[in-house]
Protein backbone atom coordinates (compact mmCIF):
# COMPACT_ATOMS: atom_id res chain seq x y z
CA UNK A 1 4.01 10.87 -9.14
CA UNK A 2 4.01 10.87 -13.23
CA UNK A 3 0.72 12.66 -13.48
CA UNK A 4 -2.85 11.52 -14.05
CA UNK A 5 -2.83 13.65 -17.50
CA UNK A 6 -0.13 11.65 -18.62
CA UNK A 7 -1.21 8.36 -17.76
CA UNK A 8 -4.24 9.07 -19.42
CA UNK A 9 -2.71 10.18 -22.63
CA UNK A 10 -0.48 7.07 -22.70
CA UNK A 11 -3.55 4.83 -22.23
CA UNK A 12 -5.25 7.02 -25.16
CA UNK A 13 -2.49 6.25 -27.29
CA UNK A 14 -2.38 2.29 -26.42
CA UNK A 15 -6.09 2.25 -27.33
CA UNK A 16 -5.37 4.13 -30.82
CA UNK A 17 -2.62 1.70 -31.57
CA UNK A 18 0.10 4.36 -31.33
CA UNK A 19 1.96 2.31 -28.43
CA UNK A 20 2.11 -1.26 -29.30
CA UNK A 21 2.60 -4.44 -27.07
CA UNK A 22 6.24 -4.49 -28.03
CA UNK A 23 6.54 -0.90 -27.01
CA UNK A 24 5.17 -1.73 -23.68
CA UNK A 25 7.76 -4.53 -23.34
CA UNK A 26 10.56 -2.24 -24.09
CA UNK A 27 9.06 0.17 -21.56
CA UNK A 28 8.65 -2.49 -19.05
CA UNK A 29 12.40 -3.48 -19.12
CA UNK A 30 13.10 0.38 -18.77
CA UNK A 31 11.13 0.78 -15.62
CA UNK A 32 12.28 -2.08 -13.35
CA UNK A 33 12.84 -5.72 -13.47
CA UNK A 34 9.59 -6.39 -11.25
CA UNK A 35 7.59 -4.35 -13.89
CA UNK A 36 8.82 -6.60 -16.94
CA UNK A 37 7.70 -9.59 -14.77
CA UNK A 38 4.39 -8.06 -14.61
CA UNK A 39 4.38 -7.46 -18.03
CA UNK A 40 4.96 -10.95 -18.92
CA UNK A 41 2.80 -12.28 -16.42
CA UNK A 42 -0.21 -10.11 -17.62
CA UNK A 43 0.64 -10.19 -21.30
CA UNK A 44 -1.13 -13.58 -21.61
CA UNK A 45 -3.86 -12.93 -24.25
CA UNK A 46 -6.66 -12.57 -21.88
CA UNK A 47 -5.63 -9.07 -20.39
CA UNK A 48 -6.25 -6.10 -22.93
CA UNK A 49 -3.09 -3.87 -23.50
CA UNK A 50 -4.76 -0.86 -21.70
CA UNK A 51 -5.20 -3.07 -18.73
CA UNK A 52 -1.47 -4.49 -18.94
CA UNK A 53 -0.18 -1.05 -19.01
CA UNK A 54 -2.12 -0.32 -15.54
CA UNK A 55 -0.69 -3.03 -13.93
CA UNK A 56 2.51 -2.08 -15.31
CA UNK A 57 2.45 1.54 -14.10
CA UNK A 58 1.11 0.31 -10.59
CA UNK A 59 4.25 -1.80 -10.17
CA UNK A 60 6.43 0.84 -11.52
CA UNK A 61 5.17 3.05 -8.51
CA UNK A 62 5.64 0.21 -5.95
CA UNK A 63 9.13 -0.45 -7.12
CA UNK A 64 10.46 3.23 -8.33
CA UNK A 65 8.29 5.86 -8.12
CA UNK A 66 6.77 5.81 -4.54
CA UNK A 67 9.64 7.75 -3.12
CA UNK A 68 10.42 10.24 -6.02
CA UNK A 69 10.54 13.87 -5.65
CA UNK A 70 7.58 16.00 -7.57
CA UNK A 71 8.56 16.03 -11.36
CA UNK A 72 11.20 13.30 -11.08
CA UNK A 73 8.40 10.70 -12.13
CA UNK A 74 7.63 13.02 -15.25
CA UNK A 75 11.35 12.76 -15.93
CA UNK A 76 11.94 8.91 -15.70
CA UNK A 77 8.74 8.65 -17.97
CA UNK A 78 10.27 11.23 -20.41
CA UNK A 79 13.92 9.22 -20.54
CA UNK A 80 12.00 5.90 -21.25
CA UNK A 81 9.77 7.32 -24.21
CA UNK A 82 13.02 8.75 -25.53
CA UNK A 83 15.09 5.75 -25.09
CA UNK A 84 16.99 4.42 -28.34
CA UNK A 85 14.96 1.11 -27.77
CA UNK A 86 11.43 2.86 -27.52
CA UNK A 87 11.84 5.94 -29.50
CA UNK A 88 8.42 7.47 -28.84
CA UNK A 89 10.06 11.00 -29.41
CA UNK A 90 6.84 12.55 -30.40
CA UNK A 91 4.66 11.43 -27.52
CA UNK A 92 7.39 12.67 -25.26
CA UNK A 93 7.62 15.81 -26.87
CA UNK A 94 3.59 16.25 -26.54
CA UNK A 95 4.03 15.38 -23.06
CA UNK A 96 6.57 18.18 -22.65
CA UNK A 97 4.17 20.82 -24.36
CA UNK A 98 1.13 19.97 -21.95
CA UNK A 99 3.61 20.11 -18.85
CA UNK A 100 4.87 23.52 -20.01
CA UNK A 101 1.11 24.95 -20.68
CA UNK A 102 0.99 24.87 -24.12
CA UNK A 103 -1.51 22.80 -26.15
CA UNK A 104 -0.94 19.76 -28.07
CA UNK A 105 0.22 21.66 -31.27
CA UNK A 106 2.58 24.20 -29.49
CA UNK A 107 -0.17 26.64 -28.88
CA UNK A 108 -0.91 28.19 -25.17
CA UNK A 109 -3.40 26.01 -23.54
CA UNK A 110 -5.88 28.86 -23.35
CA UNK A 111 -5.57 29.78 -27.16
CA UNK A 112 -9.01 29.81 -28.55
């Protein structure tokens, strides 16, 4: 419901250190109370941040995204990224450009 390419981009940002564990905590709070519970349970020092995030996305799907219309999950994700507590505006903008068919720097995706 979010889009595989956007989840992959989020995972890449976590691996690169652009999304920190405290950002993930804020995101979990905004996704759903159960997602926050999953974050707290899995952020135990044993699970890597990428894996914690995958557990979060799985729970978010089960609690919220399973019955949303196409595109609504993407909109919810963008809203979370742009929340005043999360402030991942550049990432939200990059996702919007990808969705609109533009490349990561604003050029058409098929620009060579």
